[in-house]
């Protein structure tokens, strides 16, 4: 978390949800934390977020909390990245309501692909309900070129999602763990690593609005 321990922070995203329907709710700007990375600020989560689905129940407006928070910060940042669990709960609904482009990371293994199929059915329903349809990109991750299973999984993804799938992959790289331990992005700790270069290519592809990144396609 860029050197921050989310559970040690006095204010987190959890406070935004506590302010639903309250005029004096906490402003989004008060939750922002500076990080060790220049130009990057963070809204930390909290383990308390796991209780939201039970707490809020049918509370009106619970799905638009993050969209409202980002509206408050409009013009202060170039991009906002929302990270949420792969479960259809309040947090994912908030992310889908607020996003302009959805990234779907999927491990290149059989069970992950089965989970993606269920997710895609849910996304189709949500997209039909939204006024502004968001784009989405499926990103193959944890690709291990040493295994046949990884190539078979990638082939299956290409066959099922030919237009939605990013054409390259994020490889397995042990340097990710080292960077996490240091509290730094891999792109800063070791920019020449395979993982950092792969994410740089993904980012370049997204910013250019292109489907094909400047990386050689992975073939068996």
C-alpha atoms as a PDB file:
ATOM      1  CA  UNK A   1       0.000   0.000   0.000  1.00  0.00           C
ATOM      2  CA  UNK A   2       2.803   2.429  -0.912  1.00  0.00           C
ATOM      3  CA  UNK A   3       4.193   2.280   2.606  1.00  0.00           C
ATOM      4  CA  UNK A   4       0.834   2.908   4.339  1.00  0.00           C
ATOM      5  CA  UNK A   5      -0.840   0.502   6.729  1.00  0.00           C
ATOM      6  CA  UNK A   6      -4.557   0.973   5.945  1.00  0.00           C
ATOM      7  CA  UNK A   7      -5.758  -0.258   9.322  1.00  0.00           C
ATOM      8  CA  UNK A   8      -3.580   2.255  11.154  1.00  0.00           C
ATOM      9  CA  UNK A   9      -5.154   5.238   9.375  1.00  0.00           C
ATOM     10  CA  UNK A  10      -7.687   7.278  11.319  1.00  0.00           C
ATOM     11  CA  UNK A  11      -9.802   7.963   8.230  1.00  0.00           C
ATOM     12  CA  UNK A  12     -10.519   5.584   5.377  1.00  0.00           C
ATOM     13  CA  UNK A  13     -13.063   4.890   2.642  1.00  0.00           C
ATOM     14  CA  UNK A  14     -15.204   3.306   5.345  1.00  0.00           C
ATOM     15  CA  UNK A  15     -16.004   6.789   6.675  1.00  0.00           C
ATOM     16  CA  UNK A  16     -17.481   7.744   3.292  1.00  0.00           C
ATOM     17  CA  UNK A  17     -20.034   4.958   3.598  1.00  0.00           C
ATOM     18  CA  UNK A  18     -20.833   5.916   7.175  1.00  0.00           C
ATOM     19  CA  UNK A  19     -21.843   9.349   5.906  1.00  0.00           C
ATOM     20  CA  UNK A  20     -24.602   8.135   3.566  1.00  0.00           C
ATOM     21  CA  UNK A  21     -27.643  10.363   3.998  1.00  0.00           C
ATOM     22  CA  UNK A  22     -25.826  12.643   6.439  1.00  0.00           C
ATOM     23  CA  UNK A  23     -25.382  16.265   5.380  1.00  0.00           C
ATOM     24  CA  UNK A  24     -22.232  16.637   7.462  1.00  0.00           C
ATOM     25  CA  UNK A  25     -20.578  13.545   5.979  1.00  0.00           C
ATOM     26  CA  UNK A  26     -16.795  13.541   5.717  1.00  0.00           C
ATOM     27  CA  UNK A  27     -15.420  15.202   2.535  1.00  0.00           C
ATOM     28  CA  UNK A  28     -13.455  12.947   0.205  1.00  0.00           C
ATOM     29  CA  UNK A  29     -10.464  15.292   0.416  1.00  0.00           C
ATOM     30  CA  UNK A  30     -10.029  14.487   4.124  1.00  0.00           C
ATOM     31  CA  UNK A  31      -9.433  10.821   3.367  1.00  0.00           C
ATOM     32  CA  UNK A  32      -6.623  11.388   0.881  1.00  0.00           C
ATOM     33  CA  UNK A  33      -3.143  10.389   2.026  1.00  0.00           C
ATOM     34  CA  UNK A  34       0.133  11.278   0.378  1.00  0.00           C
ATOM     35  CA  UNK A  35       2.369   8.347  -0.506  1.00  0.00           C
ATOM     36  CA  UNK A  36       6.063   7.818  -1.103  1.00  0.00           C
ATOM     37  CA  UNK A  37       5.379   8.231  -4.818  1.00  0.00           C
ATOM     38  CA  UNK A  38       5.307  11.800  -6.125  1.00  0.00           C
ATOM     39  CA  UNK A  39       1.945  12.762  -7.606  1.00  0.00           C
ATOM     40  CA  UNK A  40       0.155   9.735  -6.187  1.00  0.00           C
ATOM     41  CA  UNK A  41      -2.371   9.939  -3.362  1.00  0.00           C
ATOM     42  CA  UNK A  42      -4.321   7.146  -1.759  1.00  0.00           C
ATOM     43  CA  UNK A  43      -7.744   6.657  -0.204  1.00  0.00           C
ATOM     44  CA  UNK A  44      -7.040   3.726   2.118  1.00  0.00           C
ATOM     45  CA  UNK A  45      -9.510   0.953   2.668  1.00  0.00           C
ATOM     46  CA  UNK A  46     -10.183  -0.778   5.965  1.00  0.00           C
ATOM     47  CA  UNK A  47     -11.105  -4.264   7.111  1.00  0.00           C
ATOM     48  CA  UNK A  48     -14.351  -2.659   8.305  1.00  0.00           C
ATOM     49  CA  UNK A  49     -15.450  -2.467   4.662  1.00  0.00           C
ATOM     50  CA  UNK A  50     -16.167  -6.194   4.840  1.00  0.00           C
ATOM     51  CA  UNK A  51     -19.185  -5.385   7.021  1.00  0.00           C
ATOM     52  CA  UNK A  52     -20.833  -2.907   4.634  1.00  0.00           C
ATOM     53  CA  UNK A  53     -23.192  -5.309   2.866  1.00  0.00           C
ATOM     54  CA  UNK A  54     -24.661  -6.359   6.197  1.00  0.00           C
ATOM     55  CA  UNK A  55     -24.708  -2.859   7.699  1.00  0.00           C
ATOM     56  CA  UNK A  56     -26.262  -0.926   4.854  1.00  0.00           C
ATOM     57  CA  UNK A  57     -28.784  -3.473   3.624  1.00  0.00           C
ATOM     58  CA  UNK A  58     -31.312  -1.556   1.501  1.00  0.00           C
ATOM     59  CA  UNK A  59     -29.906   1.886   2.353  1.00  0.00           C
ATOM     60  CA  UNK A  60     -30.680   4.289  -0.490  1.00  0.00           C
ATOM     61  CA  UNK A  61     -27.625   5.683  -2.275  1.00  0.00           C
ATOM     62  CA  UNK A  62     -25.199   3.016  -1.075  1.00  0.00           C
ATOM     63  CA  UNK A  63     -24.122   2.224  -4.642  1.00  0.00           C
ATOM     64  CA  UNK A  64     -23.123   5.799  -5.522  1.00  0.00           C
ATOM     65  CA  UNK A  65     -20.782   6.652  -2.651  1.00  0.00           C
ATOM     66  CA  UNK A  66     -17.533   6.430  -4.633  1.00  0.00           C
ATOM     67  CA  UNK A  67     -19.006   8.198  -7.654  1.00  0.00           C
ATOM     68  CA  UNK A  68     -19.975  11.086  -5.380  1.00  0.00           C
ATOM     69  CA  UNK A  69     -16.528  11.137  -3.766  1.00  0.00           C
ATOM     70  CA  UNK A  70     -14.768  11.273  -7.130  1.00  0.00           C
ATOM     71  CA  UNK A  71     -17.072  14.071  -8.257  1.00  0.00           C
ATOM     72  CA  UNK A  72     -15.870  16.096  -5.256  1.00  0.00           C
ATOM     73  CA  UNK A  73     -12.271  15.608  -6.422  1.00  0.00           C
ATOM     74  CA  UNK A  74     -12.928  16.357 -10.080  1.00  0.00           C
ATOM     75  CA  UNK A  75     -10.143  18.414 -11.627  1.00  0.00           C
ATOM     76  CA  UNK A  76      -7.600  17.603  -8.915  1.00  0.00           C
ATOM     77  CA  UNK A  77      -6.289  14.383 -10.453  1.00  0.00           C
ATOM     78  CA  UNK A  78      -5.623  13.045 -13.933  1.00  0.00           C
ATOM     79  CA  UNK A  79      -6.794   9.516 -13.163  1.00  0.00           C
ATOM     80  CA  UNK A  80      -8.456   7.609 -10.342  1.00  0.00           C
ATOM     81  CA  UNK A  81      -7.995   3.860  -9.942  1.00  0.00           C
ATOM     82  CA  UNK A  82     -10.511   1.916  -7.853  1.00  0.00           C
ATOM     83  CA  UNK A  83      -9.443  -1.489  -6.564  1.00  0.00           C
ATOM     84  CA  UNK A  84     -12.248  -3.742  -5.387  1.00  0.00           C
ATOM     85  CA  UNK A  85     -12.750  -7.422  -4.523  1.00  0.00           C
ATOM     86  CA  UNK A  86     -14.064  -9.775  -7.249  1.00  0.00           C
ATOM     87  CA  UNK A  87     -17.388 -10.193  -5.475  1.00  0.00           C
ATOM     88  CA  UNK A  88     -20.681  -8.612  -6.468  1.00  0.00           C
ATOM     89  CA  UNK A  89     -21.264  -6.573  -3.326  1.00  0.00           C
ATOM     90  CA  UNK A  90     -21.476  -2.920  -2.383  1.00  0.00           C
ATOM     91  CA  UNK A  91     -17.832  -2.227  -3.200  1.00  0.00           C
ATOM     92  CA  UNK A  92     -18.022  -3.636  -6.717  1.00  0.00           C
ATOM     93  CA  UNK A  93     -21.342  -1.907  -7.390  1.00  0.00           C
ATOM     94  CA  UNK A  94     -19.711   1.377  -6.365  1.00  0.00           C
ATOM     95  CA  UNK A  95     -16.754   0.771  -8.658  1.00  0.00           C
ATOM     96  CA  UNK A  96     -19.002  -0.078 -11.607  1.00  0.00           C
ATOM     97  CA  UNK A  97     -21.171   2.986 -10.996  1.00  0.00           C
ATOM     98  CA  UNK A  98     -18.142   5.281 -10.930  1.00  0.00           C
ATOM     99  CA  UNK A  99     -15.858   3.830 -13.592  1.00  0.00           C
ATOM    100  CA  UNK A 100     -15.282   4.858 -17.186  1.00  0.00           C
ATOM    101  CA  UNK A 101     -13.092   1.863 -18.023  1.00  0.00           C
ATOM    102  CA  UNK A 102     -13.069  -1.461 -16.217  1.00  0.00           C
ATOM    103  CA  UNK A 103      -9.987  -3.682 -15.977  1.00  0.00           C
ATOM    104  CA  UNK A 104     -10.650  -7.362 -15.366  1.00  0.00           C
ATOM    105  CA  UNK A 105      -7.459  -9.157 -14.297  1.00  0.00           C
ATOM    106  CA  UNK A 106      -7.755 -12.914 -14.703  1.00  0.00           C
ATOM    107  CA  UNK A 107      -5.134 -15.496 -13.838  1.00  0.00           C
ATOM    108  CA  UNK A 108      -4.216 -17.771 -16.720  1.00  0.00           C
ATOM    109  CA  UNK A 109      -5.638 -20.894 -15.130  1.00  0.00           C
ATOM    110  CA  UNK A 110      -8.816 -22.910 -15.592  1.00  0.00           C
ATOM    111  CA  UNK A 111     -10.699 -22.001 -12.403  1.00  0.00           C
ATOM    112  CA  UNK A 112     -10.044 -18.283 -12.853  1.00  0.00           C
ATOM    113  CA  UNK A 113     -11.518 -18.433 -16.356  1.00  0.00           C
ATOM    114  CA  UNK A 114     -14.656 -20.124 -15.025  1.00  0.00           C
ATOM    115  CA  UNK A 115     -14.988 -17.294 -12.517  1.00  0.00           C
ATOM    116  CA  UNK A 116     -14.579 -14.760 -15.323  1.00  0.00           C
ATOM    117  CA  UNK A 117     -17.484 -16.322 -17.203  1.00  0.00           C
ATOM    118  CA  UNK A 118     -19.788 -15.661 -14.246  1.00  0.00           C
ATOM    119  CA  UNK A 119     -18.438 -12.141 -13.913  1.00  0.00           C
ATOM    120  CA  UNK A 120     -19.097 -11.394 -17.586  1.00  0.00           C
ATOM    121  CA  UNK A 121     -22.742 -12.402 -17.239  1.00  0.00           C
ATOM    122  CA  UNK A 122     -23.083  -9.988 -14.332  1.00  0.00           C
ATOM    123  CA  UNK A 123     -21.366  -7.193 -16.259  1.00  0.00           C
ATOM    124  CA  UNK A 124     -23.747  -7.527 -19.171  1.00  0.00           C
ATOM    125  CA  UNK A 125     -26.707  -6.968 -16.861  1.00  0.00           C
ATOM    126  CA  UNK A 126     -25.079  -3.979 -15.165  1.00  0.00           C
ATOM    127  CA  UNK A 127     -24.054  -2.355 -18.444  1.00  0.00           C
ATOM    128  CA  UNK A 128     -27.644  -2.514 -19.682  1.00  0.00           C
ATOM    129  CA  UNK A 129     -28.791  -0.736 -16.529  1.00  0.00           C
ATOM    130  CA  UNK A 130     -26.251   2.088 -16.767  1.00  0.00           C
ATOM    131  CA  UNK A 131     -26.934   5.300 -18.644  1.00  0.00           C
ATOM    132  CA  UNK A 132     -23.314   5.623 -19.744  1.00  0.00           C
ATOM    133  CA  UNK A 133     -21.853   2.317 -20.886  1.00  0.00           C
ATOM    134  CA  UNK A 134     -18.288   1.754 -19.678  1.00  0.00           C
ATOM    135  CA  UNK A 135     -15.576   0.005 -21.648  1.00  0.00           C
ATOM    136  CA  UNK A 136     -13.721  -2.971 -20.241  1.00  0.00           C
ATOM    137  CA  UNK A 137     -10.479  -4.827 -20.891  1.00  0.00           C
ATOM    138  CA  UNK A 138      -9.633  -8.350 -19.764  1.00  0.00           C
ATOM    139  CA  UNK A 139      -6.006  -8.605 -18.633  1.00  0.00           C
ATOM    140  CA  UNK A 140      -4.347 -12.060 -18.469  1.00  0.00           C
ATOM    141  CA  UNK A 141      -2.162 -12.170 -15.352  1.00  0.00           C
ATOM    142  CA  UNK A 142       0.296 -14.480 -13.575  1.00  0.00           C
ATOM    143  CA  UNK A 143       1.239 -16.043 -16.900  1.00  0.00           C
ATOM    144  CA  UNK A 144       3.828 -18.794 -16.453  1.00  0.00           C
ATOM    145  CA  UNK A 145       5.335 -19.638 -19.826  1.00  0.00           C
ATOM    146  CA  UNK A 146       6.923 -22.747 -18.305  1.00  0.00           C
ATOM    147  CA  UNK A 147       3.546 -24.490 -18.104  1.00  0.00           C
ATOM    148  CA  UNK A 148       1.308 -25.880 -20.810  1.00  0.00           C
ATOM    149  CA  UNK A 149      -1.720 -25.007 -18.701  1.00  0.00           C
ATOM    150  CA  UNK A 150      -0.921 -21.288 -18.927  1.00  0.00           C
ATOM    151  CA  UNK A 151      -0.791 -21.395 -22.736  1.00  0.00           C
ATOM    152  CA  UNK A 152      -3.990 -23.451 -22.907  1.00  0.00           C
ATOM    153  CA  UNK A 153      -5.749 -20.950 -20.640  1.00  0.00           C
ATOM    154  CA  UNK A 154      -4.528 -18.019 -22.727  1.00  0.00           C
ATOM    155  CA  UNK A 155      -5.764 -19.728 -25.885  1.00  0.00           C
ATOM    156  CA  UNK A 156      -9.163 -20.248 -24.290  1.00  0.00           C
ATOM    157  CA  UNK A 157      -9.364 -16.565 -23.321  1.00  0.00           C
ATOM    158  CA  UNK A 158      -8.509 -15.491 -26.869  1.00  0.00           C
ATOM    159  CA  UNK A 159     -11.206 -17.729 -28.293  1.00  0.00           C
ATOM    160  CA  UNK A 160     -13.905 -16.610 -25.854  1.00  0.00           C
ATOM    161  CA  UNK A 161     -13.076 -12.883 -25.718  1.00  0.00           C
ATOM    162  CA  UNK A 162     -11.329 -11.951 -28.987  1.00  0.00           C
ATOM    163  CA  UNK A 163     -12.175  -8.239 -28.828  1.00  0.00           C
ATOM    164  CA  UNK A 164     -12.130  -7.634 -25.064  1.00  0.00           C
ATOM    165  CA  UNK A 165      -8.823  -9.358 -24.273  1.00  0.00           C
ATOM    166  CA  UNK A 166      -5.566  -7.422 -24.025  1.00  0.00           C
ATOM    167  CA  UNK A 167      -3.212  -9.097 -26.474  1.00  0.00           C
ATOM    168  CA  UNK A 168      -0.238  -9.431 -24.165  1.00  0.00           C
ATOM    169  CA  UNK A 169       0.081 -10.804 -20.623  1.00  0.00           C
ATOM    170  CA  UNK A 170       1.308  -9.907 -17.160  1.00  0.00           C
ATOM    171  CA  UNK A 171       3.913 -12.573 -16.354  1.00  0.00           C
ATOM    172  CA  UNK A 172       4.671 -14.222 -13.047  1.00  0.00           C
ATOM    173  CA  UNK A 173       7.480 -12.210 -11.475  1.00  0.00           C
ATOM    174  CA  UNK A 174       8.773 -12.753  -7.935  1.00  0.00           C
ATOM    175  CA  UNK A 175       9.878  -9.118  -7.903  1.00  0.00           C
ATOM    176  CA  UNK A 176       6.252  -8.121  -7.252  1.00  0.00           C
ATOM    177  CA  UNK A 177       6.502  -9.642  -3.776  1.00  0.00           C
ATOM    178  CA  UNK A 178       9.748  -7.842  -3.059  1.00  0.00           C
ATOM    179  CA  UNK A 179       8.263  -4.515  -4.139  1.00  0.00           C
ATOM    180  CA  UNK A 180       5.200  -5.096  -1.965  1.00  0.00           C
ATOM    181  CA  UNK A 181       7.424  -5.733   1.035  1.00  0.00           C
ATOM    182  CA  UNK A 182       9.262  -2.464   0.368  1.00  0.00           C
ATOM    183  CA  UNK A 183       5.992  -0.543  -0.008  1.00  0.00           C
ATOM    184  CA  UNK A 184       6.927   0.651  -3.490  1.00  0.00           C
ATOM    185  CA  UNK A 185       5.557   0.081  -6.994  1.00  0.00           C
ATOM    186  CA  UNK A 186       7.681  -2.366  -8.961  1.00  0.00           C
ATOM    187  CA  UNK A 187       8.042   0.276 -11.675  1.00  0.00           C
ATOM    188  CA  UNK A 188      10.038   2.393  -9.215  1.00  0.00           C
ATOM    189  CA  UNK A 189      11.911  -0.314  -7.341  1.00  0.00           C
ATOM    190  CA  UNK A 190      12.978  -2.243 -10.434  1.00  0.00           C
ATOM    191  CA  UNK A 191      11.699  -0.640 -13.669  1.00  0.00           C
ATOM    192  CA  UNK A 192      13.644  -3.084 -15.840  1.00  0.00           C
ATOM    193  CA  UNK A 193      11.833  -6.142 -14.449  1.00  0.00           C
ATOM    194  CA  UNK A 194       9.493  -8.198 -16.620  1.00  0.00           C
ATOM    195  CA  UNK A 195       6.474  -7.350 -14.501  1.00  0.00           C
ATOM    196  CA  UNK A 196       7.118  -3.609 -14.547  1.00  0.00           C
ATOM    197  CA  UNK A 197       7.593  -3.579 -18.313  1.00  0.00           C
ATOM    198  CA  UNK A 198       4.393  -5.557 -18.817  1.00  0.00           C
ATOM    199  CA  UNK A 199       2.325  -3.117 -16.755  1.00  0.00           C
ATOM    200  CA  UNK A 200       3.966  -0.193 -18.519  1.00  0.00           C
ATOM    201  CA  UNK A 201       2.838  -1.678 -21.825  1.00  0.00           C
ATOM    202  CA  UNK A 202      -0.688  -2.151 -20.499  1.00  0.00           C
ATOM    203  CA  UNK A 203      -0.824   1.442 -19.289  1.00  0.00           C
ATOM    204  CA  UNK A 204       0.490   2.730 -22.610  1.00  0.00           C
ATOM    205  CA  UNK A 205      -2.159   0.723 -24.434  1.00  0.00           C
ATOM    206  CA  UNK A 206      -4.968   2.072 -22.256  1.00  0.00           C
ATOM    207  CA  UNK A 207      -3.835   5.689 -22.478  1.00  0.00           C
ATOM    208  CA  UNK A 208      -3.636   5.474 -26.244  1.00  0.00           C
ATOM    209  CA  UNK A 209      -7.040   3.895 -26.433  1.00  0.00           C
ATOM    210  CA  UNK A 210      -5.614   1.036 -28.429  1.00  0.00           C
ATOM    211  CA  UNK A 211      -6.323  -2.668 -28.186  1.00  0.00           C
ATOM    212  CA  UNK A 212      -2.791  -3.701 -29.088  1.00  0.00           C
ATOM    213  CA  UNK A 213       0.134  -2.779 -26.829  1.00  0.00           C
ATOM    214  CA  UNK A 214       3.695  -2.271 -28.066  1.00  0.00           C
ATOM    215  CA  UNK A 215       4.668  -5.790 -26.954  1.00  0.00           C
ATOM    216  CA  UNK A 216       5.301  -8.916 -28.924  1.00  0.00           C
ATOM    217  CA  UNK A 217       2.281 -11.203 -28.758  1.00  0.00           C
ATOM    218  CA  UNK A 218       2.794 -14.252 -26.566  1.00  0.00           C
ATOM    219  CA  UNK A 219       2.725 -17.460 -28.577  1.00  0.00           C
ATOM    220  CA  UNK A 220       3.356 -21.045 -27.636  1.00  0.00           C
END
